[in-house]
Amino acid sequence: MELKEKIPYHKPLQFSALETEILIAKIKGVLKSGMLTNDEYVRELEFMIGDMYGVEYCIATSNCTMGLFLSFQCLQSGLLLDIEMPNFTWMSPYMMFNGYPTHFIDIDKETWLMKDIGTGIKLSFPTHTFGNLIEISNSPVIYDGAHALGSRIKEFGDATVLSLAPTKLVTSCEGGLVLTNQQYLAEFVRFRRDRCARMSEIHALIGLATLEHLDMILAWKEEVHHYYKSYIPGQFQKIPIHSNFNTIGFLNTENLKIPKNIEYKQYYEPVFDMELMPNAFEVYKNIICLPSYHNCPYVDIVDDILELNGL
């Protein structure tokens, strides 16, 4: 049988030849200027995202984790506040909160979002899982919006932090953005960002170049999600508010086999007691996240899965 070409889980947006030429010329200009960080392109990226979401302040950082960490440090203000966070999220927040009293919360089995159970914990740290928006009643709150750039965020809490990593809809190779309407938090984060978490001008340039295509990527992601959900048997994520469909996964309730040439991901391994977090464990055990990058062959992916399973 003929071996099929491997389909990777993700590819960043491919620029046209002209876009690449313009980008390289701007990068050369940055190198000649001597201003490699925190200059005009970083400011432009901050303005564009801040204006898009209508927030008072947008601060670019070297990555999302540093944006989360600096926002967290501001709200802690020297106090040892208890923290609540989902048991179904990326590992960097776990590492960041090491040593702090942390309460892990199970997720809803349909939305895969942290349950809003009103624990009275001092600091909430919910995640917009895969770009699926969550709004909770606790305060103070920092939203981990790593996947959420492009989602229709209305509730920013004390801060919402976005990621510009390679698997996101808008990427700067690496980078983060802190969105807030609080002047004190913005000043706190910006002061420390300038000393330990600056974004380079080159990263900002790449972010601006991909941002120009955001509407197109959002439409593509919605199209892929609709197609997968229409033809693949399984439980897809329930969307209560809005999602940018950054990551498209389903619970493999039908025990489908995935062709070996299709790369997929299984998110996120829970770090806390499985018996106390049954929903997080159930989602992790069954989830399959398929390729959904711009121009991925999603029709072929569905056809190959259905053919392999005799459907």
C-alpha atoms as a PDB file:
ATOM      1  CA  MET A   1       0.000   0.000   0.000  1.00  0.00           C
ATOM      2  CA  GLU A   2       1.309   3.451  -0.903  1.00  0.00           C
ATOM      3  CA  LEU A   3       2.507   5.437   2.092  1.00  0.00           C
ATOM      4  CA  LYS A   4       0.672   8.734   2.438  1.00  0.00           C
ATOM      5  CA  GLU A   5       2.491  11.981   3.097  1.00  0.00           C
ATOM      6  CA  LYS A   6       2.676  12.927   6.758  1.00  0.00           C
ATOM      7  CA  ILE A   7       0.271  15.656   7.846  1.00  0.00           C
ATOM      8  CA  PRO A   8       1.825  17.620  10.728  1.00  0.00           C
ATOM      9  CA  TYR A   9      -0.250  18.729  13.679  1.00  0.00           C
ATOM     10  CA  HIS A  10       0.591  22.368  13.064  1.00  0.00           C
ATOM     11  CA  LYS A  11       2.224  24.731  10.594  1.00  0.00           C
ATOM     12  CA  PRO A  12       2.527  28.484  11.201  1.00  0.00           C
ATOM     13  CA  LEU A  13       0.944  30.738   8.590  1.00  0.00           C
ATOM     14  CA  GLN A  14       2.952  30.756   5.363  1.00  0.00           C
ATOM     15  CA  PHE A  15       3.665  34.280   4.080  1.00  0.00           C
ATOM     16  CA  SER A  16       3.607  35.121   0.388  1.00  0.00           C
ATOM     17  CA  ALA A  17       6.880  35.890  -1.394  1.00  0.00           C
ATOM     18  CA  LEU A  18       6.068  39.611  -1.344  1.00  0.00           C
ATOM     19  CA  GLU A  19       5.149  39.573   2.353  1.00  0.00           C
ATOM     20  CA  THR A  20       8.378  37.739   3.139  1.00  0.00           C
ATOM     21  CA  GLU A  21      10.401  40.273   1.147  1.00  0.00           C
ATOM     22  CA  ILE A  22       8.779  43.191   2.995  1.00  0.00           C
ATOM     23  CA  LEU A  23       9.286  41.486   6.362  1.00  0.00           C
ATOM     24  CA  ILE A  24      12.973  40.836   5.686  1.00  0.00           C
ATOM     25  CA  ALA A  25      13.470  44.470   4.669  1.00  0.00           C
ATOM     26  CA  LYS A  26      11.912  45.637   7.940  1.00  0.00           C
ATOM     27  CA  ILE A  27      14.056  43.213   9.946  1.00  0.00           C
ATOM     28  CA  LYS A  28      17.156  44.619   8.245  1.00  0.00           C
ATOM     29  CA  GLY A  29      15.958  48.083   9.234  1.00  0.00           C
ATOM     30  CA  VAL A  30      15.641  46.996  12.867  1.00  0.00           C
ATOM     31  CA  LEU A  31      19.160  45.567  12.853  1.00  0.00           C
ATOM     32  CA  LYS A  32      20.551  48.807  11.416  1.00  0.00           C
ATOM     33  CA  SER A  33      18.630  50.984  13.883  1.00  0.00           C
ATOM     34  CA  GLY A  34      20.286  49.539  16.980  1.00  0.00           C
ATOM     35  CA  MET A  35      16.875  49.395  18.710  1.00  0.00           C
ATOM     36  CA  LEU A  36      16.280  45.668  19.003  1.00  0.00           C
ATOM     37  CA  THR A  37      13.629  45.594  21.766  1.00  0.00           C
ATOM     38  CA  ASN A  38      10.673  47.634  22.984  1.00  0.00           C
ATOM     39  CA  ASP A  39      10.633  50.121  20.136  1.00  0.00           C
ATOM     40  CA  GLU A  40       8.190  51.153  17.408  1.00  0.00           C
ATOM     41  CA  TYR A  41       7.016  47.709  16.267  1.00  0.00           C
ATOM     42  CA  VAL A  42       6.413  46.485  19.815  1.00  0.00           C
ATOM     43  CA  ARG A  43       4.433  49.678  20.469  1.00  0.00           C
ATOM     44  CA  GLU A  44       2.452  49.161  17.254  1.00  0.00           C
ATOM     45  CA  LEU A  45       1.600  45.569  18.182  1.00  0.00           C
ATOM     46  CA  GLU A  46       0.482  46.678  21.651  1.00  0.00           C
ATOM     47  CA  PHE A  47      -1.688  49.403  20.145  1.00  0.00           C
ATOM     48  CA  MET A  48      -3.271  47.114  17.544  1.00  0.00           C
ATOM     49  CA  ILE A  49      -4.274  44.397  20.029  1.00  0.00           C
ATOM     50  CA  GLY A  50      -5.316  46.879  22.727  1.00  0.00           C
ATOM     51  CA  ASP A  51      -7.484  48.743  20.232  1.00  0.00           C
ATOM     52  CA  MET A  52      -8.983  45.501  18.902  1.00  0.00           C
ATOM     53  CA  TYR A  53     -10.178  44.562  22.386  1.00  0.00           C
ATOM     54  CA  GLY A  54     -10.948  48.063  23.634  1.00  0.00           C
ATOM     55  CA  VAL A  55      -8.771  47.816  26.752  1.00  0.00           C
ATOM     56  CA  GLU A  56      -6.879  50.672  28.363  1.00  0.00           C
ATOM     57  CA  TYR A  57      -3.527  48.896  28.471  1.00  0.00           C
ATOM     58  CA  CYS A  58      -1.765  46.211  26.438  1.00  0.00           C
ATOM     59  CA  ILE A  59       1.775  45.216  27.426  1.00  0.00           C
ATOM     60  CA  ALA A  60       3.887  42.933  25.233  1.00  0.00           C
ATOM     61  CA  THR A  61       6.136  40.418  26.997  1.00  0.00           C
ATOM     62  CA  SER A  62       8.723  37.844  25.956  1.00  0.00           C
ATOM     63  CA  ASN A  63       6.164  35.057  26.352  1.00  0.00           C
ATOM     64  CA  CYS A  64       2.741  34.369  27.830  1.00  0.00           C
ATOM     65  CA  THR A  65       4.135  32.728  30.971  1.00  0.00           C
ATOM     66  CA  MET A  66       6.053  35.878  31.904  1.00  0.00           C
ATOM     67  CA  GLY A  67       2.928  37.965  31.332  1.00  0.00           C
ATOM     68  CA  LEU A  68       0.980  35.668  33.650  1.00  0.00           C
ATOM     69  CA  PHE A  69       3.768  35.672  36.220  1.00  0.00           C
ATOM     70  CA  LEU A  70       4.132  39.467  36.344  1.00  0.00           C
ATOM     71  CA  SER A  71       0.349  39.943  36.602  1.00  0.00           C
ATOM     72  CA  PHE A  72       0.258  37.358  39.373  1.00  0.00           C
ATOM     73  CA  GLN A  73       3.086  39.100  41.241  1.00  0.00           C
ATOM     74  CA  CYS A  74       1.172  42.379  41.105  1.00  0.00           C
ATOM     75  CA  LEU A  75      -1.987  40.896  42.618  1.00  0.00           C
ATOM     76  CA  GLN A  76      -0.060  38.984  45.269  1.00  0.00           C
ATOM     77  CA  SER A  77       1.574  42.238  46.476  1.00  0.00           C
ATOM     78  CA  GLY A  78       3.716  40.352  48.962  1.00  0.00           C
ATOM     79  CA  LEU A  79       0.813  38.308  50.370  1.00  0.00           C
ATOM     80  CA  LEU A  80       0.547  34.518  50.234  1.00  0.00           C
ATOM     81  CA  LEU A  81      -2.874  34.342  48.602  1.00  0.00           C
ATOM     82  CA  ASP A  82      -4.599  31.035  47.965  1.00  0.00           C
ATOM     83  CA  ILE A  83      -5.004  30.260  44.267  1.00  0.00           C
ATOM     84  CA  GLU A  84      -7.608  28.265  42.348  1.00  0.00           C
ATOM     85  CA  MET A  85      -6.969  26.969  38.853  1.00  0.00           C
ATOM     86  CA  PRO A  86      -8.173  24.164  36.566  1.00  0.00           C
ATOM     87  CA  ASN A  87      -6.568  20.745  36.614  1.00  0.00           C
ATOM     88  CA  PHE A  88      -6.703  20.774  32.814  1.00  0.00           C
ATOM     89  CA  THR A  89      -4.280  23.340  31.386  1.00  0.00           C
ATOM     90  CA  TRP A  90      -0.716  23.834  30.139  1.00  0.00           C
ATOM     91  CA  MET A  91       2.067  23.010  32.596  1.00  0.00           C
ATOM     92  CA  SER A  92       3.692  26.462  32.945  1.00  0.00           C
ATOM     93  CA  PRO A  93       1.119  27.815  35.483  1.00  0.00           C
ATOM     94  CA  TYR A  94       1.737  24.759  37.658  1.00  0.00           C
ATOM     95  CA  MET A  95       5.445  25.562  37.667  1.00  0.00           C
ATOM     96  CA  MET A  96       4.775  29.246  38.312  1.00  0.00           C
ATOM     97  CA  PHE A  97       2.652  28.580  41.402  1.00  0.00           C
ATOM     98  CA  ASN A  98       5.052  26.075  42.947  1.00  0.00           C
ATOM     99  CA  GLY A  99       5.239  26.914  46.661  1.00  0.00           C
ATOM    100  CA  TYR A 100       1.916  28.772  46.750  1.00  0.00           C
ATOM    101  CA  PRO A 101      -1.221  27.218  48.290  1.00  0.00           C
ATOM    102  CA  THR A 102      -3.009  26.052  45.136  1.00  0.00           C
ATOM    103  CA  HIS A 103      -6.487  24.524  44.863  1.00  0.00           C
ATOM    104  CA  PHE A 104      -7.114  22.537  41.678  1.00  0.00           C
ATOM    105  CA  ILE A 105     -10.654  22.621  40.279  1.00  0.00           C
ATOM    106  CA  ASP A 106     -12.165  20.003  37.993  1.00  0.00           C
ATOM    107  CA  ILE A 107     -13.511  20.999  34.590  1.00  0.00           C
ATOM    108  CA  ASP A 108     -16.990  20.823  33.121  1.00  0.00           C
ATOM    109  CA  LYS A 109     -17.250  17.632  31.084  1.00  0.00           C
ATOM    110  CA  GLU A 110     -18.877  19.384  28.108  1.00  0.00           C
ATOM    111  CA  THR A 111     -17.121  22.760  27.853  1.00  0.00           C
ATOM    112  CA  TRP A 112     -13.772  21.543  29.283  1.00  0.00           C
ATOM    113  CA  LEU A 113     -13.642  24.814  31.243  1.00  0.00           C
ATOM    114  CA  MET A 114     -12.945  25.205  34.958  1.00  0.00           C
ATOM    115  CA  LYS A 115     -16.086  24.887  37.059  1.00  0.00           C
ATOM    116  CA  ASP A 116     -17.155  28.157  38.687  1.00  0.00           C
ATOM    117  CA  ILE A 117     -17.990  26.704  42.098  1.00  0.00           C
ATOM    118  CA  GLY A 118     -17.575  29.827  44.243  1.00  0.00           C
ATOM    119  CA  THR A 119     -14.872  28.536  46.570  1.00  0.00           C
ATOM    120  CA  GLY A 120     -14.120  31.958  48.048  1.00  0.00           C
ATOM    121  CA  ILE A 121     -10.452  31.507  47.123  1.00  0.00           C
ATOM    122  CA  LYS A 122      -8.491  34.754  47.040  1.00  0.00           C
ATOM    123  CA  LEU A 123      -7.145  34.555  43.467  1.00  0.00           C
ATOM    124  CA  SER A 124      -8.757  32.739  40.538  1.00  0.00           C
ATOM    125  CA  PHE A 125      -6.778  31.644  37.510  1.00  0.00           C
ATOM    126  CA  PRO A 126      -9.243  30.233  34.916  1.00  0.00           C
ATOM    127  CA  THR A 127      -8.176  29.178  31.424  1.00  0.00           C
ATOM    128  CA  HIS A 128      -9.873  29.941  28.105  1.00  0.00           C
ATOM    129  CA  THR A 129      -9.352  26.313  27.103  1.00  0.00           C
ATOM    130  CA  PHE A 130      -8.498  25.996  23.386  1.00  0.00           C
ATOM    131  CA  GLY A 131      -9.898  29.533  22.889  1.00  0.00           C
ATOM    132  CA  ASN A 132     -13.271  28.653  24.459  1.00  0.00           C
ATOM    133  CA  LEU A 133     -14.156  31.637  26.653  1.00  0.00           C
ATOM    134  CA  ILE A 134     -14.972  31.375  30.340  1.00  0.00           C
ATOM    135  CA  GLU A 135     -16.316  34.097  32.624  1.00  0.00           C
ATOM    136  CA  ILE A 136     -16.294  33.569  36.396  1.00  0.00           C
ATOM    137  CA  SER A 137     -17.651  35.500  39.362  1.00  0.00           C
ATOM    138  CA  ASN A 138     -14.576  35.487  41.612  1.00  0.00           C
ATOM    139  CA  SER A 139     -12.337  38.513  42.144  1.00  0.00           C
ATOM    140  CA  PRO A 140      -9.438  39.052  41.799  1.00  0.00           C
ATOM    141  CA  VAL A 141      -9.007  36.999  38.651  1.00  0.00           C
ATOM    142  CA  ILE A 142      -6.348  36.558  35.988  1.00  0.00           C
ATOM    143  CA  TYR A 143      -7.565  34.869  32.818  1.00  0.00           C
ATOM    144  CA  ASP A 144      -5.081  32.547  31.135  1.00  0.00           C
ATOM    145  CA  GLY A 145      -5.952  33.435  27.558  1.00  0.00           C
ATOM    146  CA  ALA A 146      -2.992  31.703  25.933  1.00  0.00           C
ATOM    147  CA  HIS A 147      -5.225  30.260  23.194  1.00  0.00           C
ATOM    148  CA  ALA A 148      -7.734  33.091  23.043  1.00  0.00           C
ATOM    149  CA  LEU A 149      -6.394  35.792  20.703  1.00  0.00           C
ATOM    150  CA  GLY A 150      -9.223  36.241  18.217  1.00  0.00           C
ATOM    151  CA  SER A 151     -11.951  35.074  20.599  1.00  0.00           C
ATOM    152  CA  ARG A 152     -14.550  37.746  21.422  1.00  0.00           C
ATOM    153  CA  ILE A 153     -13.338  38.515  24.934  1.00  0.00           C
ATOM    154  CA  LYS A 154     -15.576  40.913  26.886  1.00  0.00           C
ATOM    155  CA  GLU A 155     -14.586  40.105  30.482  1.00  0.00           C
ATOM    156  CA  PHE A 156     -10.886  40.754  31.182  1.00  0.00           C
ATOM    157  CA  GLY A 157     -10.861  40.391  34.965  1.00  0.00           C
ATOM    158  CA  ASP A 158      -7.878  42.088  36.570  1.00  0.00           C
ATOM    159  CA  ALA A 159      -5.810  40.904  33.615  1.00  0.00           C
ATOM    160  CA  THR A 160      -6.098  38.613  30.612  1.00  0.00           C
ATOM    161  CA  VAL A 161      -2.878  37.264  29.125  1.00  0.00           C
ATOM    162  CA  LEU A 162      -2.592  36.093  25.513  1.00  0.00           C
ATOM    163  CA  SER A 163       0.079  33.958  23.866  1.00  0.00           C
ATOM    164  CA  LEU A 164       1.831  34.552  20.548  1.00  0.00           C
ATOM    165  CA  ALA A 165       3.576  31.161  20.476  1.00  0.00           C
ATOM    166  CA  PRO A 166       3.892  29.239  17.171  1.00  0.00           C
ATOM    167  CA  THR A 167       0.670  27.208  17.571  1.00  0.00           C
ATOM    168  CA  LYS A 168      -1.518  30.281  18.071  1.00  0.00           C
ATOM    169  CA  LEU A 169      -3.646  32.045  15.445  1.00  0.00           C
ATOM    170  CA  VAL A 170      -1.340  35.055  15.627  1.00  0.00           C
ATOM    171  CA  THR A 171       2.293  34.237  16.316  1.00  0.00           C
ATOM    172  CA  SER A 172       5.416  36.300  16.882  1.00  0.00           C
ATOM    173  CA  CYS A 173       7.446  33.062  17.220  1.00  0.00           C
ATOM    174  CA  GLU A 174       7.354  33.688  20.965  1.00  0.00           C
ATOM    175  CA  GLY A 175       5.557  36.383  22.915  1.00  0.00           C
ATOM    176  CA  GLY A 176       2.737  37.342  25.239  1.00  0.00           C
ATOM    177  CA  LEU A 177       0.295  40.228  25.714  1.00  0.00           C
ATOM    178  CA  VAL A 178      -1.146  41.435  29.017  1.00  0.00           C
ATOM    179  CA  LEU A 179      -4.565  43.084  28.623  1.00  0.00           C
ATOM    180  CA  THR A 180      -5.875  45.125  31.539  1.00  0.00           C
ATOM    181  CA  ASN A 181      -7.958  48.166  32.416  1.00  0.00           C
ATOM    182  CA  GLN A 182      -6.093  48.726  35.696  1.00  0.00           C
ATOM    183  CA  GLN A 183      -3.460  51.458  35.630  1.00  0.00           C
ATOM    184  CA  TYR A 184      -1.544  50.159  38.653  1.00  0.00           C
ATOM    185  CA  LEU A 185      -1.286  46.632  37.252  1.00  0.00           C
ATOM    186  CA  ALA A 186      -0.201  47.957  33.850  1.00  0.00           C
ATOM    187  CA  GLU A 187       2.532  50.096  35.413  1.00  0.00           C
ATOM    188  CA  PHE A 188       3.663  47.210  37.640  1.00  0.00           C
ATOM    189  CA  VAL A 189       3.900  44.797  34.702  1.00  0.00           C
ATOM    190  CA  ARG A 190       5.505  47.296  32.313  1.00  0.00           C
ATOM    191  CA  PHE A 191       8.213  48.303  34.818  1.00  0.00           C
ATOM    192  CA  ARG A 192       9.233  44.679  35.396  1.00  0.00           C
ATOM    193  CA  ARG A 193       8.749  43.694  31.758  1.00  0.00           C
ATOM    194  CA  ASP A 194      11.369  46.269  30.806  1.00  0.00           C
ATOM    195  CA  ARG A 195      13.871  44.536  33.099  1.00  0.00           C
ATOM    196  CA  CYS A 196      13.249  40.834  32.537  1.00  0.00           C
ATOM    197  CA  ALA A 197      10.660  40.085  29.839  1.00  0.00           C
ATOM    198  CA  ARG A 198      11.098  42.353  26.824  1.00  0.00           C
ATOM    199  CA  MET A 199       9.777  41.438  23.387  1.00  0.00           C
ATOM    200  CA  SER A 200      12.174  41.990  20.498  1.00  0.00           C
ATOM    201  CA  GLU A 201      11.302  44.192  17.544  1.00  0.00           C
ATOM    202  CA  ILE A 202      11.781  41.222  15.217  1.00  0.00           C
ATOM    203  CA  HIS A 203       9.256  39.151  17.159  1.00  0.00           C
ATOM    204  CA  ALA A 204       6.820  42.073  17.051  1.00  0.00           C
ATOM    205  CA  LEU A 205       7.261  42.396  13.278  1.00  0.00           C
ATOM    206  CA  ILE A 206       6.315  38.759  12.756  1.00  0.00           C
ATOM    207  CA  GLY A 207       3.350  39.215  15.083  1.00  0.00           C
ATOM    208  CA  LEU A 208       2.129  42.223  13.104  1.00  0.00           C
ATOM    209  CA  ALA A 209       2.540  40.331   9.828  1.00  0.00           C
ATOM    210  CA  THR A 210       0.389  37.414  11.018  1.00  0.00           C
ATOM    211  CA  LEU A 211      -2.131  39.738  12.679  1.00  0.00           C
ATOM    212  CA  GLU A 212      -3.011  41.096   9.220  1.00  0.00           C
ATOM    213  CA  HIS A 213      -4.458  37.665   8.394  1.00  0.00           C
ATOM    214  CA  LEU A 214      -6.432  37.136  11.614  1.00  0.00           C
ATOM    215  CA  ASP A 215      -9.904  37.420  10.045  1.00  0.00           C
ATOM    216  CA  MET A 216      -8.970  34.898   7.363  1.00  0.00           C
ATOM    217  CA  ILE A 217      -7.547  32.467   9.945  1.00  0.00           C
ATOM    218  CA  LEU A 218     -10.624  32.801  12.175  1.00  0.00           C
ATOM    219  CA  ALA A 219     -12.905  31.976   9.238  1.00  0.00           C
ATOM    220  CA  TRP A 220     -10.711  29.003   8.342  1.00  0.00           C
ATOM    221  CA  LYS A 221     -10.737  27.635  11.890  1.00  0.00           C
ATOM    222  CA  GLU A 222     -14.522  27.891  12.088  1.00  0.00           C
ATOM    223  CA  GLU A 223     -14.839  26.084   8.749  1.00  0.00           C
ATOM    224  CA  VAL A 224     -12.552  23.244   9.876  1.00  0.00           C
ATOM    225  CA  HIS A 225     -14.373  22.904  13.205  1.00  0.00           C
ATOM    226  CA  HIS A 226     -17.744  22.718  11.458  1.00  0.00           C
ATOM    227  CA  TYR A 227     -16.487  20.065   9.025  1.00  0.00           C
ATOM    228  CA  TYR A 228     -14.884  17.893  11.690  1.00  0.00           C
ATOM    229  CA  LYS A 229     -17.961  18.130  13.894  1.00  0.00           C
ATOM    230  CA  SER A 230     -20.246  17.252  10.967  1.00  0.00           C
ATOM    231  CA  TYR A 231     -18.421  14.096   9.892  1.00  0.00           C
ATOM    232  CA  ILE A 232     -16.369  12.708  12.792  1.00  0.00           C
ATOM    233  CA  PRO A 233     -18.345  10.792  15.438  1.00  0.00           C
ATOM    234  CA  GLY A 234     -17.377  11.906  18.921  1.00  0.00           C
ATOM    235  CA  GLN A 235     -18.005  14.583  21.540  1.00  0.00           C
ATOM    236  CA  PHE A 236     -16.779  18.042  20.536  1.00  0.00           C
ATOM    237  CA  GLN A 237     -16.253  20.925  22.951  1.00  0.00           C
ATOM    238  CA  LYS A 238     -19.419  22.829  23.900  1.00  0.00           C
ATOM    239  CA  ILE A 239     -19.049  26.581  23.293  1.00  0.00           C
ATOM    240  CA  PRO A 240     -21.134  28.636  25.785  1.00  0.00           C
ATOM    241  CA  ILE A 241     -19.872  32.125  24.820  1.00  0.00           C
ATOM    242  CA  HIS A 242     -17.445  32.127  21.879  1.00  0.00           C
ATOM    243  CA  SER A 243     -14.318  30.374  20.665  1.00  0.00           C
ATOM    244  CA  ASN A 244     -11.670  31.112  18.062  1.00  0.00           C
ATOM    245  CA  PHE A 245     -11.218  27.314  17.683  1.00  0.00           C
ATOM    246  CA  ASN A 246      -7.474  27.670  18.203  1.00  0.00           C
ATOM    247  CA  THR A 247      -7.320  23.949  19.035  1.00  0.00           C
ATOM    248  CA  ILE A 248      -9.941  21.572  17.647  1.00  0.00           C
ATOM    249  CA  GLY A 249     -10.363  18.316  19.496  1.00  0.00           C
ATOM    250  CA  PHE A 250     -12.993  15.691  20.206  1.00  0.00           C
ATOM    251  CA  LEU A 251     -13.500  12.941  22.733  1.00  0.00           C
ATOM    252  CA  ASN A 252     -12.943   9.639  20.969  1.00  0.00           C
ATOM    253  CA  THR A 253     -16.023   7.941  22.379  1.00  0.00           C
ATOM    254  CA  GLU A 254     -16.236   5.622  19.346  1.00  0.00           C
ATOM    255  CA  ASN A 255     -12.631   4.372  19.687  1.00  0.00           C
ATOM    256  CA  LEU A 256     -11.692   5.583  16.230  1.00  0.00           C
ATOM    257  CA  LYS A 257      -8.293   4.687  14.831  1.00  0.00           C
ATOM    258  CA  ILE A 258      -6.260   7.617  13.509  1.00  0.00           C
ATOM    259  CA  PRO A 259      -4.100   7.005  10.405  1.00  0.00           C
ATOM    260  CA  LYS A 260      -0.390   6.924  11.184  1.00  0.00           C
ATOM    261  CA  ASN A 261       0.373   9.729   8.736  1.00  0.00           C
ATOM    262  CA  ILE A 262      -1.869  12.186  10.645  1.00  0.00           C
ATOM    263  CA  GLU A 263      -0.122  13.789  13.605  1.00  0.00           C
ATOM    264  CA  TYR A 264      -2.435  14.604  16.502  1.00  0.00           C
ATOM    265  CA  LYS A 265      -2.113  15.809  20.101  1.00  0.00           C
ATOM    266  CA  GLN A 266      -3.568  14.691  23.414  1.00  0.00           C
ATOM    267  CA  TYR A 267      -4.029  17.549  25.900  1.00  0.00           C
ATOM    268  CA  TYR A 268      -3.597  18.021  28.954  1.00  0.00           C
ATOM    269  CA  GLU A 269      -2.277  15.465  31.380  1.00  0.00           C
ATOM    270  CA  PRO A 270      -3.806  16.313  34.794  1.00  0.00           C
ATOM    271  CA  VAL A 271      -1.221  16.876  37.525  1.00  0.00           C
ATOM    272  CA  PHE A 272      -3.511  16.336  40.495  1.00  0.00           C
ATOM    273  CA  ASP A 273      -5.352  13.307  41.899  1.00  0.00           C
ATOM    274  CA  MET A 274      -7.284  11.656  39.072  1.00  0.00           C
ATOM    275  CA  GLU A 275      -9.997  10.308  41.378  1.00  0.00           C
ATOM    276  CA  LEU A 276     -10.811  13.794  42.659  1.00  0.00           C
ATOM    277  CA  MET A 277     -10.868  15.266  39.133  1.00  0.00           C
ATOM    278  CA  PRO A 278     -12.885  12.716  37.118  1.00  0.00           C
ATOM    279  CA  ASN A 279     -13.862  15.062  34.289  1.00  0.00           C
ATOM    280  CA  ALA A 280     -10.316  16.284  33.608  1.00  0.00           C
ATOM    281  CA  PHE A 281      -9.080  12.707  33.580  1.00  0.00           C
ATOM    282  CA  GLU A 282     -11.902  11.555  31.295  1.00  0.00           C
ATOM    283  CA  VAL A 283     -11.238  14.338  28.781  1.00  0.00           C
ATOM    284  CA  TYR A 284      -7.482  13.728  28.804  1.00  0.00           C
ATOM    285  CA  LYS A 285      -7.964   9.975  28.398  1.00  0.00           C
ATOM    286  CA  ASN A 286     -10.219  10.342  25.341  1.00  0.00           C
ATOM    287  CA  ILE A 287      -9.271  13.583  23.597  1.00  0.00           C
ATOM    288  CA  ILE A 288      -7.810  13.725  20.102  1.00  0.00           C
ATOM    289  CA  CYS A 289      -6.790  17.139  18.741  1.00  0.00           C
ATOM    290  CA  LEU A 290      -6.487  17.128  14.955  1.00  0.00           C
ATOM    291  CA  PRO A 291      -4.576  19.436  12.587  1.00  0.00           C
ATOM    292  CA  SER A 292      -6.460  22.655  11.883  1.00  0.00           C
ATOM    293  CA  TYR A 293      -3.730  25.037  10.693  1.00  0.00           C
ATOM    294  CA  HIS A 294      -4.453  27.330   7.754  1.00  0.00           C
ATOM    295  CA  ASN A 295      -4.663  25.355   4.505  1.00  0.00           C
ATOM    296  CA  CYS A 296      -4.412  21.979   6.240  1.00  0.00           C
ATOM    297  CA  PRO A 297      -6.065  19.197   4.156  1.00  0.00           C
ATOM    298  CA  TYR A 298      -8.976  18.759   6.547  1.00  0.00           C
ATOM    299  CA  VAL A 299     -11.238  17.043   4.008  1.00  0.00           C
ATOM    300  CA  ASP A 300      -8.543  14.429   3.356  1.00  0.00           C
ATOM    301  CA  ILE A 301      -8.041  14.017   7.108  1.00  0.00           C
ATOM    302  CA  VAL A 302     -11.719  13.208   7.597  1.00  0.00           C
ATOM    303  CA  ASP A 303     -11.802  10.900   4.566  1.00  0.00           C
ATOM    304  CA  ASP A 304      -8.745   8.981   5.781  1.00  0.00           C
ATOM    305  CA  ILE A 305     -10.150   8.579   9.309  1.00  0.00           C
ATOM    306  CA  LEU A 306     -13.520   7.369   8.053  1.00  0.00           C
ATOM    307  CA  GLU A 307     -11.921   4.990   5.538  1.00  0.00           C
ATOM    308  CA  LEU A 308      -9.603   3.448   8.139  1.00  0.00           C
ATOM    309  CA  ASN A 309     -12.571   2.837  10.440  1.00  0.00           C
ATOM    310  CA  GLY A 310     -14.900   1.526   7.738  1.00  0.00           C
ATOM    311  CA  LEU A 311     -17.335   4.409   8.110  1.00  0.00           C
END
